[in-house]
């Protein structure tokens, strides 16, 4: 196959032109505006997953499996927002409790508001926390309230995880 043919074949699978007029298709069919609350929420959840991927890339291999599991759960939330019931990875009450156990193990009372920062990985965990909070708001607007307890704990998890990363690196956090 020539390189031109290869590029043409690849290109036809990467773009469709269907979104050029401000609409997109739901996974279950039908078109909606790109500003539809479901599409906004899917985008915010996807952005969070991407930030988690960046965080994972900065961490030792043994730290990555849990973050990859978070990404799978986010994919399931995005699928549900798109109309597909992705029950396999959709977070449940047991997942919320697991996050709470981790938070309790990571966190200490810092005695004030923390300025996001510290090590690069801790700062990225704070970015994940902030994007997760936005995803929560978007998911509420989209009506996918069954994901909220897990997303709410996940943002807390990222805060506590950032603290853990800084503590392990000997980095002092700035308090307000």
N, C-alpha and C. Protein backbone atom coordinates (compact mmCIF):
# COMPACT_ATOMS: atom_id res chain seq x y z
N UNK A 1 0.85 -1.18 0.00
CA UNK A 1 0.00 0.00 0.00
C UNK A 1 0.89 1.23 0.00
N UNK A 2 0.61 2.18 -0.83
CA UNK A 2 1.41 3.40 -0.89
C UNK A 2 1.13 4.26 0.34
N UNK A 3 2.04 5.19 0.61
CA UNK A 3 1.85 6.03 1.78
C UNK A 3 0.64 6.94 1.60
N UNK A 4 0.34 7.37 0.39
CA UNK A 4 -0.85 8.19 0.15
C UNK A 4 -2.12 7.41 0.45
N UNK A 5 -2.18 6.19 -0.02
CA UNK A 5 -3.36 5.36 0.25
C UNK A 5 -3.49 5.11 1.74
N UNK A 6 -2.39 4.85 2.41
CA UNK A 6 -2.40 4.61 3.85
C UNK A 6 -2.92 5.84 4.58
N UNK A 7 -2.45 7.03 4.20
CA UNK A 7 -2.89 8.27 4.85
C UNK A 7 -4.38 8.50 4.59
N UNK A 8 -4.82 8.24 3.36
CA UNK A 8 -6.23 8.44 3.05
C UNK A 8 -7.09 7.52 3.89
N UNK A 9 -6.70 6.28 4.02
CA UNK A 9 -7.48 5.33 4.78
C UNK A 9 -7.52 5.73 6.26
N UNK A 10 -6.37 6.11 6.81
CA UNK A 10 -6.30 6.53 8.20
C UNK A 10 -7.12 7.79 8.43
N UNK A 11 -6.96 8.77 7.53
CA UNK A 11 -7.67 10.03 7.69
C UNK A 11 -9.18 9.84 7.68
N UNK A 12 -9.68 8.96 6.87
CA UNK A 12 -11.13 8.79 6.79
C UNK A 12 -11.69 8.22 8.09
N UNK A 13 -10.86 7.59 8.91
CA UNK A 13 -11.36 7.07 10.18
C UNK A 13 -11.21 8.06 11.32
N UNK A 14 -10.42 9.12 11.11
CA UNK A 14 -10.18 10.07 12.19
C UNK A 14 -11.10 11.28 12.17
N UNK A 15 -11.58 11.66 11.03
CA UNK A 15 -12.49 12.80 11.00
C UNK A 15 -13.66 12.49 10.08
N UNK A 16 -14.80 13.09 10.45
CA UNK A 16 -16.03 12.78 9.71
C UNK A 16 -16.71 14.01 9.13
N UNK A 17 -16.31 15.20 9.55
CA UNK A 17 -16.94 16.47 9.15
C UNK A 17 -18.31 16.66 9.78
N UNK A 18 -18.81 15.67 10.51
CA UNK A 18 -20.17 15.79 11.04
C UNK A 18 -20.28 16.84 12.12
N UNK A 19 -19.20 17.20 12.78
CA UNK A 19 -19.26 18.20 13.83
C UNK A 19 -18.99 19.61 13.37
N UNK A 20 -18.77 19.79 12.10
CA UNK A 20 -18.40 21.10 11.57
C UNK A 20 -19.51 22.15 11.70
N UNK A 21 -20.70 21.72 11.95
CA UNK A 21 -21.84 22.66 12.06
C UNK A 21 -22.34 22.76 13.50
N UNK A 22 -21.50 22.31 14.47
CA UNK A 22 -21.86 22.49 15.87
C UNK A 22 -22.72 21.40 16.45
N UNK A 23 -22.83 20.28 15.76
CA UNK A 23 -23.59 19.15 16.31
C UNK A 23 -22.67 17.93 16.36
N UNK A 24 -23.12 16.96 17.12
CA UNK A 24 -22.40 15.70 17.21
C UNK A 24 -23.42 14.59 17.39
N UNK A 25 -22.99 13.38 17.18
CA UNK A 25 -23.89 12.24 17.30
C UNK A 25 -23.72 11.57 18.65
N UNK A 26 -24.83 11.16 19.21
CA UNK A 26 -24.79 10.34 20.41
C UNK A 26 -24.47 8.91 20.02
N UNK A 27 -23.90 8.18 20.93
CA UNK A 27 -23.53 6.79 20.64
C UNK A 27 -24.73 5.94 20.28
N UNK A 28 -25.89 6.29 20.81
CA UNK A 28 -27.11 5.52 20.55
C UNK A 28 -27.91 6.07 19.38
N UNK A 29 -27.32 7.02 18.67
CA UNK A 29 -28.00 7.61 17.52
C UNK A 29 -28.59 8.96 17.87
N UNK A 30 -28.83 9.72 16.87
CA UNK A 30 -29.39 11.06 17.03
C UNK A 30 -28.30 12.10 17.17
N UNK A 31 -28.61 13.28 16.69
CA UNK A 31 -27.66 14.40 16.77
C UNK A 31 -28.12 15.38 17.83
N UNK A 32 -27.12 15.95 18.51
CA UNK A 32 -27.38 16.99 19.50
C UNK A 32 -26.34 18.08 19.31
N UNK A 33 -26.64 19.26 19.85
CA UNK A 33 -25.68 20.36 19.80
C UNK A 33 -24.47 20.01 20.66
N UNK A 34 -23.32 20.51 20.25
CA UNK A 34 -22.10 20.27 21.03
C UNK A 34 -22.17 20.95 22.39
N UNK A 35 -23.12 21.84 22.56
CA UNK A 35 -23.33 22.50 23.85
C UNK A 35 -24.35 21.77 24.71
N UNK A 36 -24.91 20.67 24.21
CA UNK A 36 -25.84 19.86 25.00
C UNK A 36 -25.14 19.46 26.30
N UNK A 37 -25.84 19.53 27.43
CA UNK A 37 -25.21 19.20 28.71
C UNK A 37 -24.55 17.82 28.74
N UNK A 38 -25.09 16.85 28.01
CA UNK A 38 -24.47 15.52 27.99
C UNK A 38 -23.12 15.56 27.31
N UNK A 39 -23.03 16.30 26.21
CA UNK A 39 -21.77 16.38 25.47
C UNK A 39 -20.74 17.18 26.26
N UNK A 40 -21.17 18.24 26.91
CA UNK A 40 -20.26 19.01 27.77
C UNK A 40 -19.72 18.11 28.87
N UNK A 41 -20.60 17.33 29.50
CA UNK A 41 -20.17 16.43 30.57
C UNK A 41 -19.21 15.35 30.05
N UNK A 42 -19.52 14.79 28.87
CA UNK A 42 -18.62 13.80 28.27
C UNK A 42 -17.24 14.42 28.05
N UNK A 43 -17.20 15.64 27.57
CA UNK A 43 -15.93 16.32 27.35
C UNK A 43 -15.16 16.56 28.64
N UNK A 44 -15.87 16.97 29.68
CA UNK A 44 -15.20 17.21 30.97
C UNK A 44 -14.68 15.91 31.57
N UNK A 45 -15.45 14.85 31.45
CA UNK A 45 -15.01 13.53 31.95
C UNK A 45 -13.80 13.05 31.15
N UNK A 46 -13.82 13.26 29.85
CA UNK A 46 -12.70 12.88 28.99
C UNK A 46 -11.45 13.70 29.34
N UNK A 47 -11.64 14.99 29.59
CA UNK A 47 -10.51 15.83 29.97
C UNK A 47 -9.91 15.34 31.29
N UNK A 48 -10.75 14.97 32.23
CA UNK A 48 -10.24 14.44 33.50
C UNK A 48 -9.44 13.17 33.26
N UNK A 49 -9.94 12.29 32.43
CA UNK A 49 -9.22 11.06 32.13
C UNK A 49 -7.86 11.36 31.51
N UNK A 50 -7.81 12.35 30.65
CA UNK A 50 -6.54 12.74 30.03
C UNK A 50 -5.56 13.28 31.07
N UNK A 51 -6.05 14.08 31.99
CA UNK A 51 -5.18 14.60 33.05
C UNK A 51 -4.70 13.46 33.97
N UNK A 52 -5.56 12.49 34.20
CA UNK A 52 -5.14 11.33 34.99
C UNK A 52 -4.04 10.57 34.25
N UNK A 53 -4.17 10.46 32.94
CA UNK A 53 -3.14 9.81 32.14
C UNK A 53 -1.81 10.55 32.26
N UNK A 54 -1.84 11.87 32.27
CA UNK A 54 -0.62 12.66 32.44
C UNK A 54 -0.02 12.42 33.82
N UNK A 55 -0.86 12.38 34.83
CA UNK A 55 -0.39 12.09 36.19
C UNK A 55 0.25 10.71 36.23
N UNK A 56 -0.41 9.72 35.66
CA UNK A 56 0.11 8.35 35.67
C UNK A 56 1.47 8.28 34.99
N UNK A 57 1.66 9.05 33.93
CA UNK A 57 2.93 9.03 33.21
C UNK A 57 4.09 9.56 34.05
N UNK A 58 3.77 10.32 35.09
CA UNK A 58 4.80 10.90 35.96
C UNK A 58 5.13 10.02 37.16
N UNK A 59 4.40 8.94 37.33
CA UNK A 59 4.52 8.12 38.54
C UNK A 59 5.18 6.79 38.26
N UNK A 60 5.70 6.16 39.30
CA UNK A 60 6.26 4.81 39.13
C UNK A 60 5.18 3.83 38.67
N UNK A 61 5.60 2.79 38.00
CA UNK A 61 4.66 1.81 37.44
C UNK A 61 3.68 1.27 38.47
N UNK A 62 4.11 1.05 39.69
CA UNK A 62 3.22 0.45 40.70
C UNK A 62 2.09 1.38 41.12
N UNK A 63 2.22 2.66 40.83
CA UNK A 63 1.17 3.63 41.17
C UNK A 63 0.09 3.72 40.07
N UNK A 64 0.38 3.21 38.91
CA UNK A 64 -0.49 3.45 37.75
C UNK A 64 -1.76 2.62 37.69
N UNK A 65 -1.80 1.38 38.15
CA UNK A 65 -3.03 0.58 37.97
C UNK A 65 -4.29 1.22 38.55
N UNK A 66 -4.19 1.83 39.71
CA UNK A 66 -5.38 2.46 40.29
C UNK A 66 -5.84 3.63 39.43
N UNK A 67 -4.90 4.40 38.91
CA UNK A 67 -5.27 5.52 38.05
C UNK A 67 -5.90 5.02 36.75
N UNK A 68 -5.41 3.94 36.21
CA UNK A 68 -6.01 3.36 35.01
C UNK A 68 -7.43 2.88 35.30
N UNK A 69 -7.64 2.35 36.50
CA UNK A 69 -8.99 1.92 36.88
C UNK A 69 -9.92 3.14 36.96
N UNK A 70 -9.43 4.25 37.47
CA UNK A 70 -10.23 5.48 37.48
C UNK A 70 -10.60 5.85 36.05
N UNK A 71 -9.65 5.76 35.13
CA UNK A 71 -9.94 6.10 33.74
C UNK A 71 -11.02 5.18 33.17
N UNK A 72 -11.00 3.91 33.51
CA UNK A 72 -12.05 2.99 33.03
C UNK A 72 -13.42 3.40 33.58
N UNK A 73 -13.45 3.79 34.83
CA UNK A 73 -14.72 4.23 35.43
C UNK A 73 -15.22 5.50 34.75
N UNK A 74 -14.31 6.41 34.45
CA UNK A 74 -14.70 7.62 33.75
C UNK A 74 -15.21 7.31 32.35
N UNK A 75 -14.60 6.34 31.69
CA UNK A 75 -15.08 5.93 30.37
C UNK A 75 -16.52 5.42 30.48
N UNK A 76 -16.80 4.65 31.52
CA UNK A 76 -18.16 4.12 31.72
C UNK A 76 -19.15 5.26 31.98
N UNK A 77 -18.73 6.27 32.72
CA UNK A 77 -19.60 7.42 32.97
C UNK A 77 -19.85 8.15 31.64
N UNK A 78 -18.81 8.36 30.85
CA UNK A 78 -18.98 9.00 29.55
C UNK A 78 -19.89 8.20 28.64
N UNK A 79 -19.75 6.88 28.67
CA UNK A 79 -20.63 6.03 27.86
C UNK A 79 -22.08 6.20 28.30
N UNK A 80 -22.32 6.21 29.60
CA UNK A 80 -23.69 6.37 30.09
C UNK A 80 -24.24 7.73 29.69
N UNK A 81 -23.42 8.75 29.77
CA UNK A 81 -23.86 10.08 29.34
C UNK A 81 -24.23 10.09 27.85
N UNK A 82 -23.57 9.24 27.08
CA UNK A 82 -23.84 9.13 25.64
C UNK A 82 -24.99 8.20 25.32
N UNK A 83 -25.56 7.57 26.33
CA UNK A 83 -26.71 6.70 26.14
C UNK A 83 -26.42 5.22 26.17
N UNK A 84 -25.17 4.85 26.43
CA UNK A 84 -24.81 3.43 26.49
C UNK A 84 -24.64 3.04 27.95
N UNK A 85 -25.26 1.94 28.34
CA UNK A 85 -25.11 1.47 29.71
C UNK A 85 -23.85 0.62 29.80
N UNK A 86 -22.79 1.21 30.28
CA UNK A 86 -21.49 0.54 30.43
C UNK A 86 -21.36 0.13 31.90
N UNK A 87 -22.12 -0.89 32.29
CA UNK A 87 -22.17 -1.30 33.69
C UNK A 87 -20.88 -1.93 34.18
N UNK A 88 -20.08 -2.47 33.29
CA UNK A 88 -18.88 -3.19 33.70
C UNK A 88 -17.98 -2.34 34.59
N UNK A 89 -17.73 -1.11 34.22
CA UNK A 89 -16.81 -0.27 34.99
C UNK A 89 -17.51 0.88 35.70
N UNK A 90 -18.84 0.96 35.62
CA UNK A 90 -19.52 2.09 36.25
C UNK A 90 -19.31 2.01 37.76
N UNK A 91 -18.90 3.11 38.37
CA UNK A 91 -18.60 3.08 39.81
C UNK A 91 -19.84 2.83 40.66
N UNK A 92 -19.64 2.07 41.72
CA UNK A 92 -20.75 1.76 42.63
C UNK A 92 -20.37 2.14 44.06
N UNK A 93 -21.21 1.79 45.00
CA UNK A 93 -20.97 2.13 46.40
C UNK A 93 -19.68 1.57 46.95
N UNK A 94 -19.31 0.38 46.52
CA UNK A 94 -18.05 -0.22 46.98
C UNK A 94 -16.86 0.61 46.52
N UNK A 95 -16.96 1.18 45.32
CA UNK A 95 -15.88 2.04 44.81
C UNK A 95 -15.78 3.33 45.62
N UNK A 96 -16.92 3.86 46.02
CA UNK A 96 -16.93 5.07 46.86
C UNK A 96 -16.24 4.76 48.19
N UNK A 97 -16.57 3.62 48.79
CA UNK A 97 -15.97 3.23 50.07
C UNK A 97 -14.46 3.01 49.93
N UNK A 98 -14.03 2.44 48.82
CA UNK A 98 -12.60 2.24 48.60
C UNK A 98 -11.86 3.58 48.53
N UNK A 99 -12.47 4.55 47.85
CA UNK A 99 -11.86 5.87 47.79
C UNK A 99 -11.78 6.48 49.18
N UNK A 100 -12.83 6.31 49.97
CA UNK A 100 -12.83 6.86 51.33
C UNK A 100 -11.73 6.24 52.18
N UNK A 101 -11.50 4.94 52.04
CA UNK A 101 -10.41 4.29 52.79
C UNK A 101 -9.06 4.88 52.39
N UNK A 102 -8.87 5.07 51.10
CA UNK A 102 -7.61 5.67 50.63
C UNK A 102 -7.45 7.08 51.18
N UNK A 103 -8.50 7.87 51.09
CA UNK A 103 -8.45 9.26 51.56
C UNK A 103 -8.07 9.28 53.03
N UNK A 104 -8.69 8.43 53.83
CA UNK A 104 -8.38 8.38 55.25
C UNK A 104 -6.92 8.00 55.48
N UNK A 105 -6.39 7.12 54.65
CA UNK A 105 -5.00 6.69 54.79
C UNK A 105 -4.01 7.77 54.34
N UNK A 106 -4.39 8.56 53.33
CA UNK A 106 -3.49 9.57 52.77
C UNK A 106 -3.47 10.86 53.58
N UNK A 107 -4.63 11.25 54.07
CA UNK A 107 -4.83 12.62 54.51
C UNK A 107 -4.46 12.84 55.98
N UNK A 108 -4.05 14.05 56.23
CA UNK A 108 -3.90 14.56 57.58
C UNK A 108 -4.53 15.94 57.58
N UNK A 109 -4.89 16.42 58.76
CA UNK A 109 -5.47 17.76 58.85
C UNK A 109 -4.35 18.77 58.63
N UNK A 110 -4.45 19.54 57.58
CA UNK A 110 -3.40 20.49 57.24
C UNK A 110 -3.58 21.82 57.95
N UNK A 111 -4.74 22.07 58.52
CA UNK A 111 -4.96 23.29 59.29
C UNK A 111 -5.17 24.54 58.46
N UNK A 112 -5.58 24.41 57.24
CA UNK A 112 -5.84 25.58 56.41
C UNK A 112 -6.05 25.20 54.96
N UNK A 113 -6.22 26.21 54.15
CA UNK A 113 -6.37 25.98 52.71
C UNK A 113 -4.99 25.78 52.10
N UNK A 114 -4.89 24.83 51.20
CA UNK A 114 -3.62 24.49 50.57
C UNK A 114 -3.54 25.15 49.20
N UNK A 115 -2.40 25.80 48.94
CA UNK A 115 -2.15 26.30 47.60
C UNK A 115 -1.71 25.12 46.74
N UNK A 116 -2.40 24.85 45.63
CA UNK A 116 -2.01 23.73 44.78
C UNK A 116 -0.58 23.88 44.29
N UNK A 117 0.17 22.81 44.38
CA UNK A 117 1.56 22.85 43.92
C UNK A 117 2.38 21.78 44.58
N UNK A 118 3.63 22.10 44.80
CA UNK A 118 4.57 21.12 45.35
C UNK A 118 5.32 20.46 44.22
N UNK A 119 5.42 19.14 44.26
CA UNK A 119 6.08 18.42 43.19
C UNK A 119 5.24 18.49 41.93
N UNK A 120 5.85 18.17 40.81
CA UNK A 120 5.12 18.19 39.54
C UNK A 120 3.94 17.21 39.60
N UNK A 121 4.15 16.01 40.14
CA UNK A 121 3.06 15.04 40.19
C UNK A 121 1.97 15.48 41.17
N UNK A 122 2.34 16.09 42.28
CA UNK A 122 1.32 16.60 43.21
C UNK A 122 0.53 17.74 42.57
N UNK A 123 1.23 18.62 41.86
CA UNK A 123 0.54 19.71 41.17
C UNK A 123 -0.43 19.14 40.12
N UNK A 124 -0.02 18.08 39.42
CA UNK A 124 -0.91 17.45 38.43
C UNK A 124 -2.10 16.80 39.13
N UNK A 125 -1.89 16.23 40.31
CA UNK A 125 -3.02 15.67 41.07
C UNK A 125 -4.01 16.77 41.43
N UNK A 126 -3.50 17.97 41.74
CA UNK A 126 -4.40 19.10 42.02
C UNK A 126 -5.17 19.50 40.77
N UNK A 127 -4.52 19.45 39.60
CA UNK A 127 -5.24 19.72 38.35
C UNK A 127 -6.35 18.69 38.17
N UNK A 128 -6.05 17.43 38.43
CA UNK A 128 -7.08 16.37 38.34
C UNK A 128 -8.24 16.68 39.28
N UNK A 129 -7.92 17.13 40.49
CA UNK A 129 -8.97 17.47 41.46
C UNK A 129 -9.87 18.58 40.92
N UNK A 130 -9.25 19.63 40.39
CA UNK A 130 -10.04 20.77 39.90
C UNK A 130 -10.89 20.37 38.69
N UNK A 131 -10.33 19.61 37.77
CA UNK A 131 -11.09 19.17 36.59
C UNK A 131 -12.19 18.21 37.02
N UNK A 132 -11.92 17.39 38.02
CA UNK A 132 -12.96 16.48 38.53
C UNK A 132 -14.13 17.26 39.10
N UNK A 133 -13.85 18.34 39.82
CA UNK A 133 -14.94 19.19 40.35
C UNK A 133 -15.79 19.74 39.21
N UNK A 134 -15.15 20.17 38.14
CA UNK A 134 -15.92 20.68 36.98
C UNK A 134 -16.73 19.57 36.36
N UNK A 135 -16.13 18.39 36.24
CA UNK A 135 -16.87 17.25 35.68
C UNK A 135 -18.09 16.93 36.54
N UNK A 136 -17.95 17.04 37.85
CA UNK A 136 -19.11 16.84 38.73
C UNK A 136 -20.24 17.79 38.37
N UNK A 137 -19.91 19.06 38.22
CA UNK A 137 -20.95 20.05 37.90
C UNK A 137 -21.60 19.74 36.55
N UNK A 138 -20.80 19.34 35.58
CA UNK A 138 -21.33 19.01 34.26
C UNK A 138 -22.22 17.78 34.31
N UNK A 139 -21.80 16.80 35.09
CA UNK A 139 -22.58 15.56 35.20
C UNK A 139 -23.93 15.86 35.86
N UNK A 140 -23.94 16.77 36.82
CA UNK A 140 -25.21 17.17 37.44
C UNK A 140 -26.11 17.81 36.38
N UNK A 141 -25.55 18.71 35.58
CA UNK A 141 -26.34 19.37 34.52
C UNK A 141 -26.88 18.37 33.51
N UNK A 142 -26.12 17.29 33.29
CA UNK A 142 -26.53 16.27 32.32
C UNK A 142 -27.48 15.25 32.93
N UNK A 143 -27.69 15.29 34.24
CA UNK A 143 -28.65 14.40 34.88
C UNK A 143 -28.14 13.01 35.20
N UNK A 144 -26.84 12.81 35.24
CA UNK A 144 -26.26 11.49 35.54
C UNK A 144 -25.87 11.45 37.02
N UNK A 145 -26.85 11.62 37.88
CA UNK A 145 -26.58 11.78 39.31
C UNK A 145 -26.05 10.52 39.97
N UNK A 146 -26.23 9.36 39.36
CA UNK A 146 -25.73 8.12 39.97
C UNK A 146 -24.20 8.09 40.02
N UNK A 147 -23.54 8.92 39.24
CA UNK A 147 -22.08 8.97 39.25
C UNK A 147 -21.54 9.96 40.27
N UNK A 148 -22.40 10.78 40.85
CA UNK A 148 -21.92 11.87 41.70
C UNK A 148 -21.19 11.44 42.96
N UNK A 149 -21.66 10.47 43.72
CA UNK A 149 -20.90 10.12 44.93
C UNK A 149 -19.46 9.72 44.62
N UNK A 150 -19.28 8.95 43.57
CA UNK A 150 -17.93 8.52 43.21
C UNK A 150 -17.09 9.70 42.73
N UNK A 151 -17.64 10.55 41.86
CA UNK A 151 -16.89 11.71 41.39
C UNK A 151 -16.54 12.65 42.54
N UNK A 152 -17.47 12.82 43.46
CA UNK A 152 -17.21 13.69 44.60
C UNK A 152 -16.06 13.15 45.43
N UNK A 153 -16.06 11.86 45.71
CA UNK A 153 -14.95 11.26 46.46
C UNK A 153 -13.66 11.27 45.65
N UNK A 154 -13.77 11.10 44.34
CA UNK A 154 -12.57 11.09 43.50
C UNK A 154 -11.86 12.45 43.60
N UNK A 155 -12.58 13.53 43.58
CA UNK A 155 -11.93 14.84 43.71
C UNK A 155 -11.26 14.96 45.07
N UNK A 156 -11.90 14.46 46.12
CA UNK A 156 -11.26 14.45 47.44
C UNK A 156 -10.02 13.55 47.44
N UNK A 157 -10.11 12.42 46.73
CA UNK A 157 -8.99 11.49 46.64
C UNK A 157 -7.79 12.19 46.02
N UNK A 158 -8.01 12.95 44.95
CA UNK A 158 -6.90 13.65 44.30
C UNK A 158 -6.28 14.70 45.22
N UNK A 159 -7.09 15.36 46.03
CA UNK A 159 -6.54 16.31 47.00
C UNK A 159 -5.65 15.58 48.00
N UNK A 160 -6.17 14.50 48.57
CA UNK A 160 -5.41 13.73 49.56
C UNK A 160 -4.17 13.09 48.92
N UNK A 161 -4.31 12.64 47.69
CA UNK A 161 -3.19 12.02 46.98
C UNK A 161 -2.08 13.04 46.73
N UNK A 162 -2.45 14.26 46.34
CA UNK A 162 -1.47 15.32 46.14
C UNK A 162 -0.70 15.56 47.44
N UNK A 163 -1.42 15.58 48.55
CA UNK A 163 -0.78 15.77 49.85
C UNK A 163 0.20 14.61 50.12
N UNK A 164 -0.24 13.39 49.85
CA UNK A 164 0.63 12.23 50.05
C UNK A 164 1.89 12.32 49.19
N UNK A 165 1.72 12.68 47.92
CA UNK A 165 2.88 12.79 47.03
C UNK A 165 3.86 13.84 47.53
N UNK A 166 3.34 14.97 47.99
CA UNK A 166 4.23 16.01 48.51
C UNK A 166 4.92 15.55 49.79
N UNK A 167 4.18 14.94 50.66
CA UNK A 167 4.74 14.46 51.92
C UNK A 167 5.86 13.44 51.66
N UNK A 168 5.61 12.49 50.76
CA UNK A 168 6.62 11.47 50.46
C UNK A 168 7.87 12.07 49.83
N UNK A 169 7.72 13.18 49.12
CA UNK A 169 8.86 13.85 48.49
C UNK A 169 9.55 14.85 49.42
N UNK A 170 8.98 15.02 50.62
CA UNK A 170 9.54 15.99 51.56
C UNK A 170 9.23 17.42 51.19
N UNK A 171 8.23 17.61 50.38
CA UNK A 171 7.83 18.94 49.90
C UNK A 171 6.79 19.52 50.86
N UNK A 172 7.06 20.72 51.35
CA UNK A 172 6.11 21.38 52.24
C UNK A 172 5.03 22.07 51.40
N UNK A 173 3.81 21.94 51.85
CA UNK A 173 2.70 22.60 51.15
C UNK A 173 2.46 23.97 51.76
N UNK A 174 2.15 24.91 50.90
CA UNK A 174 1.86 26.26 51.38
C UNK A 174 0.41 26.36 51.78
N UNK A 175 0.20 26.89 52.96
CA UNK A 175 -1.16 27.08 53.47
C UNK A 175 -1.52 28.55 53.46
N UNK A 176 -2.79 28.82 53.28
CA UNK A 176 -3.29 30.21 53.37
C UNK A 176 -3.78 30.47 54.76
